[in-house]
Amino acid sequence: MTVFEDFLKWTCDNEWGHSGHFERRLSNGTQLTVWDSGVLVVEPQSATDKDIIISCAVHGNETAPIEICRDIIQDIIAEQQPVQHRTLFLIANPASINVERRFVEENMNRLFSGAHSKGGITNPERERAAKLEQYVQRFYQEGGDSERRRYHYDLHTAIRDSKREKFAVYPFTHGKPYKQAQLQFLLACGVDTVLLNRAPTTTFSYFSAHQFEADAFTVELGKVRRFGENNRADFAAAEKSLRQLVGQPEPDLPAFDPQQHFVFAEAQTINRQHQDFRLNFADDVANFTSFNKGELLAIDGDDKILAKHDDEHIIFPNADVALGQRALLTVVRVPTESLDLV
């Protein structure tokens, strides 16, 4: 199987990397360049002012985003998908795709912004995260002018059900305003719910946002399912908008209406500190389930962790994380009109 016949399969056949360099120029003038397994740069014949990154498979069992990226890539190669802007596609963790698990040894979305080199630990996922950082840096720098518009959409699906099926995490902006056009684009993707991070994190999207001033997001598109079990109609709006982002001068955006956006701000980040840690609700409780002030959320050793607000919503609960990692995030609703938007 050659690289341009089936890019995803070739990537998974070379799960921890490939030292070869592959290029192809399509008859429509689009240039394809493969830097590594899962790392594909597509460039249009005519220069524009956007540099776009679309990544998937930071967690290998989150298959819907992988299927979306696979199909867009194959359509580009077949000249069925136009390319208007420089775009970097990243299939981040092919080895975890092969074992059909979230990760092989370590959660890759806790390894960016240099976290891969801390703690005296070495493993292939840490090495891959370091390489991905280098590819992001190379891609944005080779774009040239720092005034170019930079984007990074890191696509995921969630482990558990959610009362709000599709949502995006807006990385900490360090006081910079939020982008109205990005809320509009997310809404075009079917994502009407946005969580505002209130502090730096080690996620892939925060890395691109902080290091390269990209408009970057972790985008949760639904529920984890096996390959072939996704209802692609559930992801049609997201795929359509991503195809427009790559293939049109500008994507089609809905008019901005604050009432159509549901914005939540981080209330508590609960990191597991003890082996004796448990959540005080069932494993099948959905993301965005709400608790009232004073209700018990978790027990960590001898510490009881309570909701601090009425209508405080839980996100990403996972009692099995490593010590020191986030076991639960809670958020509260904030008015869209209260955001500093540009």
Protein backbone atom coordinates (compact mmCIF):
# COMPACT_ATOMS: atom_id res chain seq x y z
CA MET A 1 0.00 0.00 0.00
CA THR A 2 1.60 3.28 -1.11
CA VAL A 3 1.22 6.49 0.83
CA PHE A 4 -1.17 8.19 -1.61
CA GLU A 5 -3.33 5.13 -2.27
CA ASP A 6 -4.63 4.97 1.30
CA PHE A 7 -3.02 7.54 3.57
CA LEU A 8 -4.68 6.28 6.76
CA LYS A 9 -3.70 2.65 6.18
CA TRP A 10 -0.14 3.62 5.28
CA THR A 11 -0.01 5.74 8.43
CA CYS A 12 -1.23 2.88 10.63
CA ASP A 13 1.25 0.50 8.97
CA ASN A 14 4.01 2.90 10.10
CA GLU A 15 2.53 3.65 13.48
CA TRP A 16 5.45 5.36 15.21
CA GLY A 17 6.81 7.20 12.20
CA HIS A 18 8.41 6.97 8.77
CA SER A 19 11.65 8.65 7.74
CA GLY A 20 10.72 8.88 4.06
CA HIS A 21 9.69 12.07 2.27
CA PHE A 22 6.93 11.85 -0.32
CA GLU A 23 5.60 14.46 -2.73
CA ARG A 24 2.99 14.63 -5.44
CA ARG A 25 1.63 17.49 -7.51
CA LEU A 26 -1.94 16.96 -8.64
CA SER A 27 -3.18 17.98 -12.08
CA ASN A 28 -5.13 20.84 -10.45
CA GLY A 29 -1.88 22.26 -9.08
CA THR A 30 -2.32 21.15 -5.47
CA GLN A 31 0.97 20.09 -3.88
CA LEU A 32 0.97 17.12 -1.46
CA THR A 33 3.91 16.60 0.89
CA VAL A 34 4.23 13.86 3.51
CA TRP A 35 6.63 14.70 6.34
CA ASP A 36 6.01 11.57 8.42
CA SER A 37 3.36 8.95 9.01
CA GLY A 38 0.10 10.78 9.65
CA VAL A 39 1.60 14.13 8.65
CA LEU A 40 0.34 15.52 5.32
CA VAL A 41 0.70 19.08 4.02
CA VAL A 42 -1.55 20.18 1.15
CA GLU A 43 -0.87 23.48 -0.59
CA PRO A 44 -2.87 25.20 -3.31
CA GLN A 45 -1.30 26.51 -6.49
CA SER A 46 -2.14 30.11 -5.54
CA ALA A 47 -1.04 31.55 -2.21
CA THR A 48 -3.62 32.76 0.32
CA ASP A 49 -3.37 34.15 3.85
CA LYS A 50 -4.51 31.12 5.90
CA ASP A 51 -2.62 28.23 7.51
CA ILE A 52 -5.02 25.53 8.73
CA ILE A 53 -4.31 22.48 10.89
CA ILE A 54 -6.88 19.72 11.24
CA SER A 55 -5.84 16.97 13.65
CA CYS A 56 -7.44 13.75 14.81
CA ALA A 57 -6.51 10.55 16.68
CA VAL A 58 -4.76 12.18 19.62
CA HIS A 59 -6.91 9.43 21.15
CA GLY A 60 -6.96 6.46 18.80
CA ASN A 61 -10.40 5.09 19.66
CA GLU A 62 -12.14 8.34 18.70
CA THR A 63 -13.00 7.13 15.24
CA ALA A 64 -15.47 9.63 13.76
CA PRO A 65 -12.87 12.41 13.41
CA ILE A 66 -10.45 9.89 11.89
CA GLU A 67 -13.07 8.89 9.32
CA ILE A 68 -13.76 12.54 8.49
CA CYS A 69 -10.06 13.33 7.98
CA ARG A 70 -9.51 10.11 6.02
CA ASP A 71 -12.30 10.98 3.60
CA ILE A 72 -11.27 14.61 3.12
CA ILE A 73 -7.67 13.54 2.46
CA GLN A 74 -8.68 10.85 -0.02
CA ASP A 75 -10.96 13.30 -1.83
CA ILE A 76 -8.12 15.82 -2.07
CA ILE A 77 -5.86 13.15 -3.56
CA ALA A 78 -8.63 12.14 -6.00
CA GLU A 79 -9.15 15.83 -6.90
CA GLN A 80 -12.73 15.66 -5.64
CA GLN A 81 -12.09 18.14 -2.80
CA PRO A 82 -10.76 21.60 -3.74
CA VAL A 83 -7.92 23.15 -1.75
CA GLN A 84 -7.85 26.93 -1.35
CA HIS A 85 -5.52 27.19 1.66
CA ARG A 86 -2.38 25.59 3.08
CA THR A 87 -3.58 22.78 5.32
CA LEU A 88 -1.74 20.36 7.58
CA PHE A 89 -3.55 17.12 8.38
CA LEU A 90 -2.29 15.28 11.46
CA ILE A 91 -3.24 11.72 12.42
CA ALA A 92 -1.65 12.11 15.79
CA ASN A 93 -1.41 8.67 17.44
CA PRO A 94 -1.62 5.87 14.85
CA ALA A 95 -0.42 3.22 17.32
CA SER A 96 -3.46 3.82 19.51
CA ILE A 97 -5.69 3.46 16.42
CA ASN A 98 -4.16 0.04 15.83
CA VAL A 99 -4.90 -1.17 19.37
CA GLU A 100 -8.34 0.53 19.38
CA ARG A 101 -7.60 2.32 22.63
CA ARG A 102 -7.51 5.90 23.84
CA PHE A 103 -3.74 5.65 24.14
CA VAL A 104 -1.00 3.03 24.29
CA GLU A 105 0.95 4.09 27.40
CA GLU A 106 0.06 7.69 28.20
CA ASN A 107 -2.67 10.20 27.38
CA MET A 108 -1.16 12.23 24.55
CA ASN A 109 -3.40 15.23 25.20
CA ARG A 110 -1.53 15.78 28.48
CA LEU A 111 1.88 15.85 26.75
CA PHE A 112 2.07 19.12 24.82
CA SER A 113 3.72 22.46 25.61
CA GLY A 114 6.83 20.53 26.58
CA ALA A 115 5.12 18.17 29.05
CA HIS A 116 6.49 15.28 26.98
CA SER A 117 9.99 16.05 28.29
CA LYS A 118 9.14 16.40 31.98
CA GLY A 119 9.16 13.84 34.79
CA GLY A 120 12.09 11.76 33.57
CA ILE A 121 9.81 9.45 31.59
CA THR A 122 10.35 8.32 28.01
CA ASN A 123 7.86 6.43 25.86
CA PRO A 124 6.81 6.45 22.19
CA GLU A 125 3.78 8.68 22.83
CA ARG A 126 5.98 11.33 24.42
CA GLU A 127 8.36 11.14 21.48
CA ARG A 128 5.46 11.43 19.04
CA ALA A 129 4.03 14.47 20.89
CA ALA A 130 7.41 16.19 20.64
CA LYS A 131 7.50 15.51 16.89
CA LEU A 132 3.96 16.82 16.46
CA GLU A 133 4.99 20.06 18.14
CA GLN A 134 7.88 20.34 15.69
CA TYR A 135 5.58 19.74 12.71
CA VAL A 136 3.16 22.42 13.90
CA GLN A 137 6.02 24.87 14.33
CA ARG A 138 7.47 24.03 10.91
CA PHE A 139 4.09 24.35 9.19
CA TYR A 140 3.28 27.75 10.64
CA GLN A 141 6.81 29.07 10.12
CA GLU A 142 6.96 27.90 6.50
CA GLY A 143 3.71 29.78 5.93
CA GLY A 144 5.79 32.90 6.23
CA ASP A 145 4.29 36.18 7.40
CA SER A 146 3.24 36.10 11.06
CA GLU A 147 0.21 38.17 10.04
CA ARG A 148 -1.24 35.14 8.29
CA ARG A 149 -4.41 33.72 9.81
CA ARG A 150 -3.65 30.52 11.70
CA TYR A 151 -6.18 27.86 12.71
CA HIS A 152 -6.05 24.50 14.46
CA TYR A 153 -9.08 22.27 15.02
CA ASP A 154 -8.20 19.21 17.10
CA LEU A 155 -11.09 16.79 16.58
CA HIS A 156 -12.27 14.36 19.25
CA THR A 157 -15.22 12.34 20.49
CA ALA A 158 -16.02 11.86 24.17
CA ILE A 159 -15.88 8.68 26.25
CA ARG A 160 -19.35 9.12 27.70
CA ASP A 161 -22.73 10.43 26.66
CA SER A 162 -23.35 14.14 26.93
CA LYS A 163 -26.39 16.29 27.54
CA ARG A 164 -24.72 18.59 25.02
CA GLU A 165 -23.48 16.21 22.37
CA LYS A 166 -21.10 18.54 20.54
CA PHE A 167 -18.94 21.08 22.32
CA ALA A 168 -15.60 22.80 21.95
CA VAL A 169 -12.95 23.79 24.45
CA TYR A 170 -11.60 27.32 23.91
CA PRO A 171 -8.02 27.37 25.25
CA PHE A 172 -6.94 29.99 27.76
CA THR A 173 -6.35 33.25 25.88
CA HIS A 174 -4.10 35.02 28.42
CA GLY A 175 -6.39 38.05 28.37
CA LYS A 176 -6.83 38.29 24.61
CA PRO A 177 -10.39 38.66 23.32
CA TYR A 178 -12.42 35.77 21.99
CA LYS A 179 -13.21 35.54 18.27
CA GLN A 180 -16.82 35.95 17.19
CA ALA A 181 -16.10 34.40 13.79
CA GLN A 182 -14.81 31.28 15.52
CA LEU A 183 -18.04 30.89 17.47
CA GLN A 184 -19.87 31.23 14.15
CA PHE A 185 -17.67 28.60 12.51
CA LEU A 186 -18.17 26.19 15.39
CA LEU A 187 -21.92 26.71 15.14
CA ALA A 188 -21.72 25.92 11.42
CA CYS A 189 -20.04 22.66 12.49
CA GLY A 190 -23.04 21.89 14.68
CA VAL A 191 -21.19 22.91 17.84
CA ASP A 192 -23.26 25.40 19.85
CA THR A 193 -21.53 24.87 23.21
CA VAL A 194 -18.13 26.28 24.16
CA LEU A 195 -16.11 25.80 27.35
CA LEU A 196 -13.67 28.56 28.28
CA ASN A 197 -10.44 27.37 29.86
CA ARG A 198 -9.29 29.70 32.63
CA ALA A 199 -5.67 28.54 32.83
CA PRO A 200 -2.94 27.03 30.64
CA THR A 201 -3.17 23.32 29.88
CA THR A 202 -1.03 20.70 28.15
CA THR A 203 -3.53 20.01 25.35
CA PHE A 204 -2.66 20.10 21.67
CA SER A 205 -5.01 23.01 20.96
CA TYR A 206 -3.57 25.15 23.77
CA PHE A 207 -0.07 24.55 22.38
CA SER A 208 -1.01 25.97 18.97
CA ALA A 209 -3.01 28.82 20.47
CA HIS A 210 -0.33 29.93 22.92
CA GLN A 211 2.84 29.30 20.92
CA PHE A 212 1.63 30.45 17.51
CA GLU A 213 -1.42 32.64 18.23
CA ALA A 214 -3.62 30.28 16.24
CA ASP A 215 -7.37 30.20 16.65
CA ALA A 216 -7.31 26.70 18.10
CA PHE A 217 -9.94 24.47 19.68
CA THR A 218 -10.46 21.00 21.07
CA VAL A 219 -13.67 20.02 19.29
CA GLU A 220 -15.79 17.20 20.75
CA LEU A 221 -18.11 15.89 18.03
CA GLY A 222 -20.02 13.17 19.84
CA LYS A 223 -19.49 9.74 21.41
CA VAL A 224 -16.64 7.26 21.02
CA ARG A 225 -17.59 4.39 18.71
CA ARG A 226 -15.73 1.74 16.74
CA PHE A 227 -14.89 2.17 13.06
CA GLY A 228 -17.96 1.60 10.93
CA GLU A 229 -20.39 2.20 13.81
CA ASN A 230 -20.57 6.00 13.48
CA ASN A 231 -23.70 7.51 11.98
CA ARG A 232 -21.98 9.88 9.60
CA ALA A 233 -25.13 11.99 9.36
CA ASP A 234 -24.41 13.06 12.95
CA PHE A 235 -21.15 14.61 11.75
CA ALA A 236 -22.32 15.97 8.40
CA ALA A 237 -22.35 19.63 9.47
CA ALA A 238 -18.83 19.41 10.88
CA GLU A 239 -17.46 17.66 7.80
CA LYS A 240 -19.19 20.09 5.44
CA SER A 241 -17.78 23.10 7.29
CA LEU A 242 -14.26 21.64 7.44
CA ARG A 243 -14.41 20.96 3.71
CA GLN A 244 -15.52 24.55 3.12
CA LEU A 245 -12.73 25.83 5.38
CA VAL A 246 -10.14 24.06 3.23
CA GLY A 247 -11.86 24.41 -0.14
CA GLN A 248 -13.48 27.86 -0.22
CA PRO A 249 -12.04 31.36 0.18
CA GLU A 250 -14.22 31.63 3.31
CA PRO A 251 -16.60 29.06 4.84
CA ASP A 252 -20.33 29.75 4.94
CA LEU A 253 -21.09 31.17 8.38
CA PRO A 254 -24.44 31.78 10.08
CA ALA A 255 -25.27 35.29 11.25
CA PHE A 256 -24.07 35.87 14.80
CA ASP A 257 -26.83 35.54 17.37
CA PRO A 258 -25.67 35.35 21.01
CA GLN A 259 -28.77 33.34 21.92
CA GLN A 260 -27.62 30.45 19.74
CA HIS A 261 -24.38 29.96 21.67
CA PHE A 262 -24.09 28.27 25.06
CA VAL A 263 -20.92 29.37 26.82
CA PHE A 264 -19.56 27.82 30.00
CA ALA A 265 -16.63 28.94 32.13
CA GLU A 266 -14.40 26.65 34.12
CA ALA A 267 -15.44 26.44 37.78
CA GLN A 268 -13.21 23.70 39.21
CA THR A 269 -10.42 21.50 37.89
CA ILE A 270 -10.16 18.44 40.11
CA ASN A 271 -6.88 16.56 39.83
CA ARG A 272 -6.53 13.12 41.36
CA GLN A 273 -4.08 13.31 44.28
CA HIS A 274 -4.55 9.92 45.99
CA GLN A 275 -4.89 6.28 45.00
CA ASP A 276 -8.11 6.28 47.00
CA PHE A 277 -10.14 8.44 44.63
CA ARG A 278 -13.73 7.99 43.57
CA LEU A 279 -16.43 10.00 41.88
CA ASN A 280 -19.73 10.28 43.71
CA PHE A 281 -21.90 9.42 40.72
CA ALA A 282 -22.40 6.49 38.38
CA ASP A 283 -20.09 5.72 35.46
CA ASP A 284 -22.89 6.37 32.98
CA VAL A 285 -23.71 9.90 34.18
CA ALA A 286 -23.52 12.16 31.14
CA ASN A 287 -21.25 15.13 30.54
CA PHE A 288 -23.03 18.39 31.44
CA THR A 289 -25.06 16.79 34.22
CA SER A 290 -25.60 19.56 36.78
CA PHE A 291 -25.14 19.59 40.55
CA ASN A 292 -26.09 22.20 43.11
CA LYS A 293 -23.87 23.99 45.59
CA GLY A 294 -22.74 21.70 48.40
CA GLU A 295 -23.43 18.41 46.62
CA LEU A 296 -20.62 15.86 46.85
CA LEU A 297 -18.78 15.37 43.56
CA ALA A 298 -15.80 13.22 44.54
CA ILE A 299 -13.71 11.89 47.41
CA ASP A 300 -9.93 12.12 47.09
CA GLY A 301 -8.24 10.41 50.03
CA ASP A 302 -9.73 12.17 53.05
CA ASP A 303 -10.85 15.21 51.05
CA LYS A 304 -14.45 15.72 50.02
CA ILE A 305 -14.90 17.76 46.86
CA LEU A 306 -18.17 19.66 46.69
CA ALA A 307 -19.93 21.69 44.04
CA LYS A 308 -19.27 25.38 44.65
CA HIS A 309 -22.19 26.76 42.65
CA ASP A 310 -25.77 25.94 41.87
CA ASP A 311 -26.17 24.44 38.41
CA GLU A 312 -22.50 23.40 38.26
CA HIS A 313 -21.97 20.98 35.37
CA ILE A 314 -19.52 18.08 35.24
CA ILE A 315 -17.30 17.46 32.20
CA PHE A 316 -14.78 14.70 31.40
CA PRO A 317 -15.13 12.68 34.63
CA ASN A 318 -12.56 9.89 34.76
CA ALA A 319 -11.55 8.38 38.10
CA ASP A 320 -8.90 6.16 36.50
CA VAL A 321 -6.45 8.88 35.47
CA ALA A 322 -2.88 8.86 36.74
CA LEU A 323 -2.07 10.69 39.96
CA GLY A 324 -1.81 14.41 39.36
CA GLN A 325 -3.97 14.36 36.24
CA ARG A 326 -7.42 15.85 35.84
CA ALA A 327 -10.19 13.54 37.00
CA LEU A 328 -13.04 16.01 36.62
CA LEU A 329 -13.78 19.45 35.24
CA THR A 330 -16.77 21.50 36.32
CA VAL A 331 -18.25 24.49 34.51
CA VAL A 332 -20.94 27.12 34.97
CA ARG A 333 -22.95 28.96 32.34
CA VAL A 334 -21.97 32.52 31.45
CA PRO A 335 -23.88 34.90 29.16
CA THR A 336 -22.48 35.03 25.64
CA GLU A 337 -23.01 38.79 25.76
CA SER A 338 -20.51 39.02 28.63
CA LEU A 339 -17.60 37.82 26.48
CA ASP A 340 -14.95 40.19 25.16
CA LEU A 341 -15.54 39.43 21.46
CA VAL A 342 -13.80 40.78 18.37
